[in-house]
Amino acid sequence: MTTSRFYIMRHGETVYNAARRLQSNHIHTPLTRLGCEQATQMGQALRRELGERPRVVLHVSETGRALQTAALIAEELGIDWFAASRTADLKEIDMGSWCERSYDDVEAEHGPIVIADHLLRPAPDGEDYPAIAARLESWIERTGDDGQDHIVVMHGISSRVLRGIMAGYPAHPDHGVPIAPSLVQGSIALIKDGAECVLHGAERGTEHA
């Protein structure tokens, strides 16, 4: 339970997303035109929620796609992108030697990598879900509960683990850590008092709100 409010979102669509390639945390893949529109719409949704130039703390994954998304959000809100707290703790799942390869090529060699509920199967030399949870729990502990509004720009899989932890979802039966439902790109999840609601966008498989 926290008195702070956390607005957690995925970065916008990238060229790698559009081409169905697994992204690395080291290569700064740019947003597509759609990705830029998604980021702008997230910023507009936050402006409707928080007003112009709100007093917020901006946290961003140390990846180009998240930083570009955060820049467009910051522009809509009128807040300082340069004041953002940038951290690798918010990075995406590390898919090891599968990074930068197409989904089709990896699946031809190793079988399905997108498993139930839109999760990724960890690569043999990559990061598993408990490892993601450990770095995110460290970030939560450092961030603390200061009663402020926090905007968090990160990634699909890692944001599901963060939301799972912060909103008290049950541990996943196969992966052993809390994992929240999948949201479409361009969605914002609000977590307050240990509960989650979708502020903007929708869960996967539902109509986009």
Foldseek 3Di string as FASTA:
>chain_A
DFLEKEKEAEQFAFPCNVQQAAAAQVDATEHDPRRLVLLLVLLVLVCVVQNAPHPEAEEFEPHNRLLVSVVNSCVSRVHDSVRHHYDNLQADWWQPPRHGPHQVVVCVPVNHQQDPLRHGNHHPPTDADVVNLVSLVVVDVVVDRPNYYYYYYHHFFSSQQNLQVQLVADADPVRGGGGHHTFDHSWIWMDRPSHIDTSAFDGPPDDTD
